[in-house]
């Protein structure tokens, strides 16, 4: 089997990484598109006000969350790692507001 044939076989077997990522992101795209009509109706000032609204949502979500460590201080840092309870809540709220933002 040639190298191209092997790559093609593996791609058919496991799929394309980019295609998988696009499929994972599609619900965000669909949700973001659902805000299009409402956003088009907003003035420039109202759009700017959305930033303050998002910041307030984040602030409110974090205000009563204890700053509890989920990992030991000396644990190696990894991208996207949730090191504290606040990290976890922040990730959740950002995921909620991402499509509208």
PDB file of N, CA and C in Angstrom:
ATOM      1  N   UNK A   1       0.865  -1.177   0.000  1.00  0.00           N
ATOM      2  CA  UNK A   1       0.000   0.000   0.000  1.00  0.00           C
ATOM      3  C   UNK A   1       0.908   1.235   0.000  1.00  0.00           C
ATOM      4  N   UNK A   2       0.585   2.181  -0.855  1.00  0.00           N
ATOM      5  CA  UNK A   2       1.379   3.409  -0.923  1.00  0.00           C
ATOM      6  C   UNK A   2       1.112   4.281   0.307  1.00  0.00           C
ATOM      7  N   UNK A   3       1.986   5.274   0.498  1.00  0.00           N
ATOM      8  CA  UNK A   3       1.813   6.181   1.647  1.00  0.00           C
ATOM      9  C   UNK A   3       0.486   6.935   1.551  1.00  0.00           C
ATOM     10  N   UNK A   4       0.135   7.398   0.339  1.00  0.00           N
ATOM     11  CA  UNK A   4      -1.142   8.102   0.155  1.00  0.00           C
ATOM     12  C   UNK A   4      -2.326   7.176   0.414  1.00  0.00           C
ATOM     13  N   UNK A   5      -2.201   5.922   0.000  1.00  0.00           N
ATOM     14  CA  UNK A   5      -3.262   4.949   0.234  1.00  0.00           C
ATOM     15  C   UNK A   5      -3.457   4.682   1.712  1.00  0.00           C
ATOM     16  N   UNK A   6      -2.339   4.598   2.434  1.00  0.00           N
ATOM     17  CA  UNK A   6      -2.401   4.388   3.881  1.00  0.00           C
ATOM     18  C   UNK A   6      -3.041   5.585   4.576  1.00  0.00           C
ATOM     19  N   UNK A   7      -2.639   6.796   4.172  1.00  0.00           N
ATOM     20  CA  UNK A   7      -3.236   8.008   4.755  1.00  0.00           C
ATOM     21  C   UNK A   7      -4.736   8.048   4.491  1.00  0.00           C
ATOM     22  N   UNK A   8      -5.124   7.715   3.270  1.00  0.00           N
ATOM     23  CA  UNK A   8      -6.541   7.709   2.916  1.00  0.00           C
ATOM     24  C   UNK A   8      -7.319   6.695   3.733  1.00  0.00           C
ATOM     25  N   UNK A   9      -6.721   5.505   3.902  1.00  0.00           N
ATOM     26  CA  UNK A   9      -7.362   4.462   4.700  1.00  0.00           C
ATOM     27  C   UNK A   9      -7.526   4.916   6.148  1.00  0.00           C
ATOM     28  N   UNK A  10      -6.471   5.484   6.724  1.00  0.00           N
ATOM     29  CA  UNK A  10      -6.532   5.942   8.111  1.00  0.00           C
ATOM     30  C   UNK A  10      -7.543   7.080   8.273  1.00  0.00           C
ATOM     31  N   UNK A  11      -7.597   7.960   7.267  1.00  0.00           N
ATOM     32  CA  UNK A  11      -8.565   9.060   7.339  1.00  0.00           C
ATOM     33  C   UNK A  11      -9.996   8.511   7.310  1.00  0.00           C
ATOM     34  N   UNK A  12     -10.234   7.517   6.462  1.00  0.00           N
ATOM     35  CA  UNK A  12     -11.564   6.914   6.404  1.00  0.00           C
ATOM     36  C   UNK A  12     -11.899   6.205   7.716  1.00  0.00           C
ATOM     37  N   UNK A  13     -10.886   5.572   8.284  1.00  0.00           N
ATOM     38  CA  UNK A  13     -11.091   4.809   9.506  1.00  0.00           C
ATOM     39  C   UNK A  13     -11.342   5.708  10.716  1.00  0.00           C
ATOM     40  N   UNK A  14     -10.521   6.754  10.854  1.00  0.00           N
ATOM     41  CA  UNK A  14     -10.590   7.604  12.046  1.00  0.00           C
ATOM     42  C   UNK A  14     -11.207   8.971  11.806  1.00  0.00           C
ATOM     43  N   UNK A  15     -11.346   9.378  10.563  1.00  0.00           N
ATOM     44  CA  UNK A  15     -11.898  10.693  10.253  1.00  0.00           C
ATOM     45  C   UNK A  15     -10.827  11.764  10.250  1.00  0.00           C
ATOM     46  N   UNK A  16     -11.177  12.919   9.782  1.00  0.00           N
ATOM     47  CA  UNK A  16     -10.268  14.055   9.694  1.00  0.00           C
ATOM     48  C   UNK A  16     -10.381  14.878  10.971  1.00  0.00           C
ATOM     49  N   UNK A  17      -9.240  15.231  11.556  1.00  0.00           N
ATOM     50  CA  UNK A  17      -9.230  16.005  12.802  1.00  0.00           C
ATOM     51  C   UNK A  17      -9.969  17.323  12.646  1.00  0.00           C
ATOM     52  N   UNK A  18      -9.754  18.004  11.533  1.00  0.00           N
ATOM     53  CA  UNK A  18     -10.428  19.291  11.312  1.00  0.00           C
ATOM     54  C   UNK A  18     -11.937  19.116  11.180  1.00  0.00           C
ATOM     55  N   UNK A  19     -12.345  18.070  10.498  1.00  0.00           N
ATOM     56  CA  UNK A  19     -13.786  17.814  10.368  1.00  0.00           C
ATOM     57  C   UNK A  19     -14.422  17.565  11.731  1.00  0.00           C
ATOM     58  N   UNK A  20     -13.725  16.829  12.578  1.00  0.00           N
ATOM     59  CA  UNK A  20     -14.246  16.570  13.923  1.00  0.00           C
ATOM     60  C   UNK A  20     -14.368  17.861  14.707  1.00  0.00           C
ATOM     61  N   UNK A  21     -13.361  18.715  14.594  1.00  0.00           N
ATOM     62  CA  UNK A  21     -13.385  19.989  15.331  1.00  0.00           C
ATOM     63  C   UNK A  21     -14.530  20.876  14.842  1.00  0.00           C
ATOM     64  N   UNK A  22     -14.742  20.911  13.530  1.00  0.00           N
ATOM     65  CA  UNK A  22     -15.840  21.700  12.965  1.00  0.00           C
ATOM     66  C   UNK A  22     -17.175  21.174  13.474  1.00  0.00           C
ATOM     67  N   UNK A  23     -17.328  19.857  13.534  1.00  0.00           N
ATOM     68  CA  UNK A  23     -18.574  19.272  14.048  1.00  0.00           C
ATOM     69  C   UNK A  23     -18.793  19.644  15.510  1.00  0.00           C
ATOM     70  N   UNK A  24     -17.698  19.694  16.292  1.00  0.00           N
ATOM     71  CA  UNK A  24     -17.817  20.069  17.704  1.00  0.00           C
ATOM     72  C   UNK A  24     -18.242  21.531  17.855  1.00  0.00           C
ATOM     73  N   UNK A  25     -17.781  22.384  16.954  1.00  0.00           N
ATOM     74  CA  UNK A  25     -18.068  23.813  17.044  1.00  0.00           C
ATOM     75  C   UNK A  25     -19.400  24.210  16.414  1.00  0.00           C
ATOM     76  N   UNK A  26     -19.978  23.334  15.601  1.00  0.00           N
ATOM     77  CA  UNK A  26     -21.204  23.682  14.875  1.00  0.00           C
ATOM     78  C   UNK A  26     -22.336  24.140  15.791  1.00  0.00           C
ATOM     79  N   UNK A  27     -22.561  23.519  16.966  1.00  0.00           N
ATOM     80  CA  UNK A  27     -23.635  24.026  17.833  1.00  0.00           C
ATOM     81  C   UNK A  27     -23.413  25.478  18.267  1.00  0.00           C
ATOM     82  N   UNK A  28     -22.147  25.877  18.476  1.00  0.00           N
ATOM     83  CA  UNK A  28     -21.849  27.277  18.822  1.00  0.00           C
ATOM     84  C   UNK A  28     -22.181  28.197  17.647  1.00  0.00           C
ATOM     85  N   UNK A  29     -21.837  27.747  16.454  1.00  0.00           N
ATOM     86  CA  UNK A  29     -22.115  28.539  15.251  1.00  0.00           C
ATOM     87  C   UNK A  29     -23.625  28.698  15.076  1.00  0.00           C
ATOM     88  N   UNK A  30     -24.340  27.605  15.221  1.00  0.00           N
ATOM     89  CA  UNK A  30     -25.800  27.661  15.076  1.00  0.00           C
ATOM     90  C   UNK A  30     -26.418  28.603  16.112  1.00  0.00           C
ATOM     91  N   UNK A  31     -25.941  28.497  17.342  1.00  0.00           N
ATOM     92  CA  UNK A  31     -26.478  29.362  18.402  1.00  0.00           C
ATOM     93  C   UNK A  31     -26.108  30.822  18.140  1.00  0.00           C
ATOM     94  N   UNK A  32     -24.872  31.062  17.716  1.00  0.00           N
ATOM     95  CA  UNK A  32     -24.451  32.433  17.411  1.00  0.00           C
ATOM     96  C   UNK A  32     -25.304  33.005  16.283  1.00  0.00           C
ATOM     97  N   UNK A  33     -25.560  32.202  15.277  1.00  0.00           N
ATOM     98  CA  UNK A  33     -26.397  32.664  14.158  1.00  0.00           C
ATOM     99  C   UNK A  33     -27.811  32.999  14.603  1.00  0.00           C
ATOM    100  N   UNK A  34     -28.280  32.371  15.683  1.00  0.00           N
ATOM    101  CA  UNK A  34     -29.635  32.644  16.159  1.00  0.00           C
ATOM    102  C   UNK A  34     -29.752  34.062  16.738  1.00  0.00           C
ATOM    103  N   UNK A  35     -28.630  34.693  17.060  1.00  0.00           N
ATOM    104  CA  UNK A  35     -28.633  36.057  17.603  1.00  0.00           C
ATOM    105  C   UNK A  35     -28.537  37.129  16.510  1.00  0.00           C
ATOM    106  N   UNK A  36     -28.338  36.707  15.270  1.00  0.00           N
ATOM    107  CA  UNK A  36     -28.069  37.657  14.191  1.00  0.00           C
ATOM    108  C   UNK A  36     -29.136  38.741  14.052  1.00  0.00           C
ATOM    109  N   UNK A  37     -30.384  38.360  13.960  1.00  0.00           N
ATOM    110  CA  UNK A  37     -31.458  39.340  13.744  1.00  0.00           C
ATOM    111  C   UNK A  37     -31.523  40.342  14.899  1.00  0.00           C
ATOM    112  N   UNK A  38     -31.417  39.851  16.128  1.00  0.00           N
ATOM    113  CA  UNK A  38     -31.485  40.737  17.295  1.00  0.00           C
ATOM    114  C   UNK A  38     -30.296  41.695  17.313  1.00  0.00           C
ATOM    115  N   UNK A  39     -29.119  41.205  16.959  1.00  0.00           N
ATOM    116  CA  UNK A  39     -27.924  42.052  16.978  1.00  0.00           C
ATOM    117  C   UNK A  39     -27.971  43.125  15.901  1.00  0.00           C
ATOM    118  N   UNK A  40     -28.545  42.785  14.764  1.00  0.00           N
ATOM    119  CA  UNK A  40     -28.645  43.764  13.674  1.00  0.00           C
ATOM    120  C   UNK A  40     -29.525  44.949  14.063  1.00  0.00           C
ATOM    121  N   UNK A  41     -30.455  44.749  14.952  1.00  0.00           N
ATOM    122  CA  UNK A  41     -31.366  45.813  15.376  1.00  0.00           C
ATOM    123  C   UNK A  41     -30.724  46.768  16.386  1.00  0.00           C
ATOM    124  N   UNK A  42     -29.613  46.359  16.997  1.00  0.00           N
ATOM    125  CA  UNK A  42     -28.980  47.193  18.022  1.00  0.00           C
ATOM    126  C   UNK A  42     -28.175  48.332  17.415  1.00  0.00           C
ATOM    127  N   UNK A  43     -28.185  49.457  18.100  1.00  0.00           N
ATOM    128  CA  UNK A  43     -27.349  50.582  17.686  1.00  0.00           C
ATOM    129  C   UNK A  43     -25.904  50.290  18.101  1.00  0.00           C
ATOM    130  N   UNK A  44     -24.983  51.109  17.620  1.00  0.00           N
ATOM    131  CA  UNK A  44     -23.572  50.947  18.001  1.00  0.00           C
ATOM    132  C   UNK A  44     -23.414  51.063  19.514  1.00  0.00           C
ATOM    133  N   UNK A  45     -24.126  51.991  20.119  1.00  0.00           N
ATOM    134  CA  UNK A  45     -24.040  52.173  21.572  1.00  0.00           C
ATOM    135  C   UNK A  45     -24.592  50.960  22.314  1.00  0.00           C
ATOM    136  N   UNK A  46     -25.694  50.411  21.813  1.00  0.00           N
ATOM    137  CA  UNK A  46     -26.268  49.220  22.446  1.00  0.00           C
ATOM    138  C   UNK A  46     -25.321  48.028  22.321  1.00  0.00           C
ATOM    139  N   UNK A  47     -24.658  47.927  21.178  1.00  0.00           N
ATOM    140  CA  UNK A  47     -23.678  46.852  21.001  1.00  0.00           C
ATOM    141  C   UNK A  47     -22.521  47.007  21.973  1.00  0.00           C
ATOM    142  N   UNK A  48     -22.057  48.244  22.146  1.00  0.00           N
ATOM    143  CA  UNK A  48     -20.985  48.496  23.105  1.00  0.00           C
ATOM    144  C   UNK A  48     -21.435  48.141  24.520  1.00  0.00           C
ATOM    145  N   UNK A  49     -22.697  48.362  24.809  1.00  0.00           N
ATOM    146  CA  UNK A  49     -23.248  48.043  26.120  1.00  0.00           C
ATOM    147  C   UNK A  49     -23.277  46.547  26.403  1.00  0.00           C
ATOM    148  N   UNK A  50     -23.262  45.740  25.347  1.00  0.00           N
ATOM    149  CA  UNK A  50     -23.244  44.293  25.532  1.00  0.00           C
ATOM    150  C   UNK A  50     -21.990  43.866  26.284  1.00  0.00           C
ATOM    151  N   UNK A  51     -20.877  44.552  26.074  1.00  0.00           N
ATOM    152  CA  UNK A  51     -19.636  44.217  26.774  1.00  0.00           C
ATOM    153  C   UNK A  51     -19.840  44.328  28.279  1.00  0.00           C
ATOM    154  N   UNK A  52     -20.445  45.422  28.709  1.00  0.00           N
ATOM    155  CA  UNK A  52     -20.713  45.607  30.136  1.00  0.00           C
ATOM    156  C   UNK A  52     -21.673  44.528  30.649  1.00  0.00           C
ATOM    157  N   UNK A  53     -22.649  44.176  29.834  1.00  0.00           N
ATOM    158  CA  UNK A  53     -23.612  43.137  30.210  1.00  0.00           C
ATOM    159  C   UNK A  53     -22.893  41.795  30.406  1.00  0.00           C
ATOM    160  N   UNK A  54     -21.996  41.450  29.497  1.00  0.00           N
ATOM    161  CA  UNK A  54     -21.251  40.193  29.616  1.00  0.00           C
ATOM    162  C   UNK A  54     -20.334  40.217  30.833  1.00  0.00           C
ATOM    163  N   UNK A  55     -19.675  41.332  31.068  1.00  0.00           N
ATOM    164  CA  UNK A  55     -18.800  41.452  32.240  1.00  0.00           C
ATOM    165  C   UNK A  55     -19.596  41.283  33.528  1.00  0.00           C
ATOM    166  N   UNK A  56     -20.799  41.857  33.564  1.00  0.00           N
ATOM    167  CA  UNK A  56     -21.651  41.739  34.743  1.00  0.00           C
ATOM    168  C   UNK A  56     -22.093  40.289  34.970  1.00  0.00           C
ATOM    169  N   UNK A  57     -22.419  39.588  33.880  1.00  0.00           N
ATOM    170  CA  UNK A  57     -22.796  38.178  33.998  1.00  0.00           C
ATOM    171  C   UNK A  57     -21.644  37.373  34.581  1.00  0.00           C
ATOM    172  N   UNK A  58     -20.436  37.639  34.116  1.00  0.00           N
ATOM    173  CA  UNK A  58     -19.255  36.929  34.624  1.00  0.00           C
ATOM    174  C   UNK A  58     -19.038  37.262  36.095  1.00  0.00           C
ATOM    175  N   UNK A  59     -19.104  38.547  36.403  1.00  0.00           N
ATOM    176  CA  UNK A  59     -18.908  38.989  37.791  1.00  0.00           C
ATOM    177  C   UNK A  59     -19.934  38.342  38.723  1.00  0.00           C
ATOM    178  N   UNK A  60     -21.192  38.334  38.327  1.00  0.00           N
ATOM    179  CA  UNK A  60     -22.253  37.744  39.147  1.00  0.00           C
ATOM    180  C   UNK A  60     -22.066  36.234  39.315  1.00  0.00           C
ATOM    181  N   UNK A  61     -21.606  35.578  38.252  1.00  0.00           N
ATOM    182  CA  UNK A  61     -21.390  34.135  38.327  1.00  0.00           C
ATOM    183  C   UNK A  61     -20.259  33.783  39.283  1.00  0.00           C
ATOM    184  N   UNK A  62     -19.268  34.658  39.400  1.00  0.00           N
ATOM    185  CA  UNK A  62     -18.090  34.370  40.223  1.00  0.00           C
ATOM    186  C   UNK A  62     -18.170  34.891  41.651  1.00  0.00           C
ATOM    187  N   UNK A  63     -19.115  35.794  41.935  1.00  0.00           N
ATOM    188  CA  UNK A  63     -19.088  36.516  43.209  1.00  0.00           C
ATOM    189  C   UNK A  63     -19.189  35.622  44.444  1.00  0.00           C
ATOM    190  N   UNK A  64     -19.941  34.558  44.395  1.00  0.00           N
ATOM    191  CA  UNK A  64     -20.109  33.705  45.574  1.00  0.00           C
ATOM    192  C   UNK A  64     -19.336  32.384  45.478  1.00  0.00           C
ATOM    193  N   UNK A  65     -18.470  32.274  44.487  1.00  0.00           N
ATOM    194  CA  UNK A  65     -17.714  31.036  44.299  1.00  0.00           C
ATOM    195  C   UNK A  65     -16.461  31.081  45.165  1.00  0.00           C
ATOM    196  N   UNK A  66     -16.303  30.098  46.035  1.00  0.00           N
ATOM    197  CA  UNK A  66     -15.091  30.091  46.871  1.00  0.00           C
ATOM    198  C   UNK A  66     -13.854  29.835  46.021  1.00  0.00           C
ATOM    199  N   UNK A  67     -12.758  30.408  46.427  1.00  0.00           N
ATOM    200  CA  UNK A  67     -11.510  30.249  45.687  1.00  0.00           C
ATOM    201  C   UNK A  67     -10.800  28.975  46.157  1.00  0.00           C
ATOM    202  N   UNK A  68     -11.425  27.847  45.868  1.00  0.00           N
ATOM    203  CA  UNK A  68     -10.936  26.549  46.308  1.00  0.00           C
ATOM    204  C   UNK A  68     -10.070  25.946  45.209  1.00  0.00           C
ATOM    205  N   UNK A  69      -8.893  25.468  45.583  1.00  0.00           N
ATOM    206  CA  UNK A  69      -7.993  24.836  44.628  1.00  0.00           C
ATOM    207  C   UNK A  69      -8.509  23.434  44.295  1.00  0.00           C
ATOM    208  N   UNK A  70      -8.486  23.109  43.020  1.00  0.00           N
ATOM    209  CA  UNK A  70      -8.876  21.776  42.571  1.00  0.00           C
ATOM    210  C   UNK A  70      -7.648  20.900  42.363  1.00  0.00           C
ATOM    211  N   UNK A  71      -6.499  21.528  42.204  1.00  0.00           N
ATOM    212  CA  UNK A  71      -5.238  20.826  42.000  1.00  0.00           C
ATOM    213  C   UNK A  71      -4.209  21.357  42.977  1.00  0.00           C
ATOM    214  N   UNK A  72      -3.245  20.541  43.336  1.00  0.00           N
ATOM    215  CA  UNK A  72      -2.181  21.038  44.214  1.00  0.00           C
ATOM    216  C   UNK A  72      -1.406  22.175  43.551  1.00  0.00           C
ATOM    217  N   UNK A  73      -0.879  23.048  44.364  1.00  0.00           N
ATOM    218  CA  UNK A  73      -0.127  24.208  43.867  1.00  0.00           C
ATOM    219  C   UNK A  73       1.026  23.797  42.959  1.00  0.00           C
ATOM    220  N   UNK A  74       1.661  22.668  43.253  1.00  0.00           N
ATOM    221  CA  UNK A  74       2.838  22.254  42.494  1.00  0.00           C
ATOM    222  C   UNK A  74       2.510  21.399  41.269  1.00  0.00           C
ATOM    223  N   UNK A  75       1.221  21.217  40.955  1.00  0.00           N
ATOM    224  CA  UNK A  75       0.845  20.438  39.773  1.00  0.00           C
ATOM    225  C   UNK A  75       1.288  21.183  38.517  1.00  0.00           C
ATOM    226  N   UNK A  76       1.818  20.457  37.531  1.00  0.00           N
ATOM    227  CA  UNK A  76       2.248  21.108  36.286  1.00  0.00           C
ATOM    228  C   UNK A  76       1.065  21.835  35.635  1.00  0.00           C
ATOM    229  N   UNK A  77       1.339  22.997  35.086  1.00  0.00           N
ATOM    230  CA  UNK A  77       0.281  23.778  34.439  1.00  0.00           C
ATOM    231  C   UNK A  77       0.090  23.285  33.010  1.00  0.00           C
ATOM    232  N   UNK A  78      -1.169  23.045  32.671  1.00  0.00           N
ATOM    233  CA  UNK A  78      -1.525  22.567  31.344  1.00  0.00           C
ATOM    234  C   UNK A  78      -2.570  23.514  30.755  1.00  0.00           C
ATOM    235  N   UNK A  79      -2.525  23.735  29.441  1.00  0.00           N
ATOM    236  CA  UNK A  79      -3.518  24.606  28.817  1.00  0.00           C
ATOM    237  C   UNK A  79      -4.937  24.101  29.064  1.00  0.00           C
ATOM    238  N   UNK A  80      -5.815  25.024  29.425  1.00  0.00           N
ATOM    239  CA  UNK A  80      -7.220  24.690  29.637  1.00  0.00           C
ATOM    240  C   UNK A  80      -7.510  23.980  30.937  1.00  0.00           C
ATOM    241  N   UNK A  81      -6.509  23.846  31.766  1.00  0.00           N
ATOM    242  CA  UNK A  81      -6.667  23.125  33.024  1.00  0.00           C
ATOM    243  C   UNK A  81      -7.460  23.957  34.039  1.00  0.00           C
ATOM    244  N   UNK A  82      -8.383  23.318  34.723  1.00  0.00           N
ATOM    245  CA  UNK A  82      -9.170  23.981  35.755  1.00  0.00           C
ATOM    246  C   UNK A  82      -8.433  23.814  37.078  1.00  0.00           C
ATOM    247  N   UNK A  83      -7.778  24.879  37.519  1.00  0.00           N
ATOM    248  CA  UNK A  83      -6.959  24.799  38.720  1.00  0.00           C
ATOM    249  C   UNK A  83      -7.730  25.179  39.981  1.00  0.00           C
ATOM    250  N   UNK A  84      -8.779  26.003  39.840  1.00  0.00           N
ATOM    251  CA  UNK A  84      -9.567  26.428  40.993  1.00  0.00           C
ATOM    252  C   UNK A  84     -11.059  26.294  40.666  1.00  0.00           C
ATOM    253  N   UNK A  85     -11.869  26.370  41.710  1.00  0.00           N
ATOM    254  CA  UNK A  85     -13.322  26.333  41.516  1.00  0.00           C
ATOM    255  C   UNK A  85     -13.764  27.515  40.661  1.00  0.00           C
ATOM    256  N   UNK A  86     -13.114  28.666  40.843  1.00  0.00           N
ATOM    257  CA  UNK A  86     -13.464  29.841  40.025  1.00  0.00           C
ATOM    258  C   UNK A  86     -13.165  29.600  38.553  1.00  0.00           C
ATOM    259  N   UNK A  87     -12.059  28.893  38.254  1.00  0.00           N
ATOM    260  CA  UNK A  87     -11.740  28.546  36.862  1.00  0.00           C
ATOM    261  C   UNK A  87     -12.887  27.743  36.249  1.00  0.00           C
ATOM    262  N   UNK A  88     -13.403  26.796  37.023  1.00  0.00           N
ATOM    263  CA  UNK A  88     -14.479  25.934  36.541  1.00  0.00           C
ATOM    264  C   UNK A  88     -15.733  26.754  36.234  1.00  0.00           C
ATOM    265  N   UNK A  89     -16.133  27.606  37.156  1.00  0.00           N
ATOM    266  CA  UNK A  89     -17.334  28.432  36.965  1.00  0.00           C
ATOM    267  C   UNK A  89     -17.118  29.424  35.820  1.00  0.00           C
ATOM    268  N   UNK A  90     -15.934  30.008  35.747  1.00  0.00           N
ATOM    269  CA  UNK A  90     -15.628  30.943  34.655  1.00  0.00           C
ATOM    270  C   UNK A  90     -15.759  30.240  33.310  1.00  0.00           C
ATOM    271  N   UNK A  91     -15.234  29.034  33.202  1.00  0.00           N
ATOM    272  CA  UNK A  91     -15.349  28.269  31.962  1.00  0.00           C
ATOM    273  C   UNK A  91     -16.798  28.026  31.579  1.00  0.00           C
ATOM    274  N   UNK A  92     -17.617  27.713  32.571  1.00  0.00           N
ATOM    275  CA  UNK A  92     -19.038  27.452  32.321  1.00  0.00           C
ATOM    276  C   UNK A  92     -19.761  28.704  31.840  1.00  0.00           C
ATOM    277  N   UNK A  93     -19.512  29.828  32.498  1.00  0.00           N
ATOM    278  CA  UNK A  93     -20.211  31.061  32.103  1.00  0.00           C
ATOM    279  C   UNK A  93     -19.718  31.553  30.739  1.00  0.00           C
ATOM    280  N   UNK A  94     -18.436  31.407  30.481  1.00  0.00           N
ATOM    281  CA  UNK A  94     -17.926  31.813  29.168  1.00  0.00           C
ATOM    282  C   UNK A  94     -18.524  30.959  28.059  1.00  0.00           C
ATOM    283  N   UNK A  95     -18.697  29.686  28.326  1.00  0.00           N
ATOM    284  CA  UNK A  95     -19.317  28.807  27.338  1.00  0.00           C
ATOM    285  C   UNK A  95     -20.779  29.219  27.073  1.00  0.00           C
ATOM    286  N   UNK A  96     -21.457  29.674  28.125  1.00  0.00           N
ATOM    287  CA  UNK A  96     -22.850  30.120  27.964  1.00  0.00           C
ATOM    288  C   UNK A  96     -22.953  31.397  27.131  1.00  0.00           C
ATOM    289  N   UNK A  97     -22.056  32.352  27.367  1.00  0.00           N
ATOM    290  CA  UNK A  97     -22.186  33.644  26.674  1.00  0.00           C
ATOM    291  C   UNK A  97     -21.442  33.696  25.351  1.00  0.00           C
ATOM    292  N   UNK A  98     -20.598  32.708  25.067  1.00  0.00           N
ATOM    293  CA  UNK A  98     -19.793  32.719  23.845  1.00  0.00           C
ATOM    294  C   UNK A  98     -20.606  32.967  22.573  1.00  0.00           C
ATOM    295  N   UNK A  99     -21.662  32.223  22.326  1.00  0.00           N
ATOM    296  CA  UNK A  99     -22.387  32.435  21.057  1.00  0.00           C
ATOM    297  C   UNK A  99     -22.920  33.863  20.910  1.00  0.00           C
ATOM    298  N   UNK A 100     -23.448  34.433  21.970  1.00  0.00           N
ATOM    299  CA  UNK A 100     -23.993  35.794  21.876  1.00  0.00           C
ATOM    300  C   UNK A 100     -22.874  36.819  21.782  1.00  0.00           C
ATOM    301  N   UNK A 101     -21.795  36.571  22.505  1.00  0.00           N
ATOM    302  CA  UNK A 101     -20.671  37.503  22.488  1.00  0.00           C
ATOM    303  C   UNK A 101     -20.008  37.509  21.125  1.00  0.00           C
TER     304      UNK A 101
END
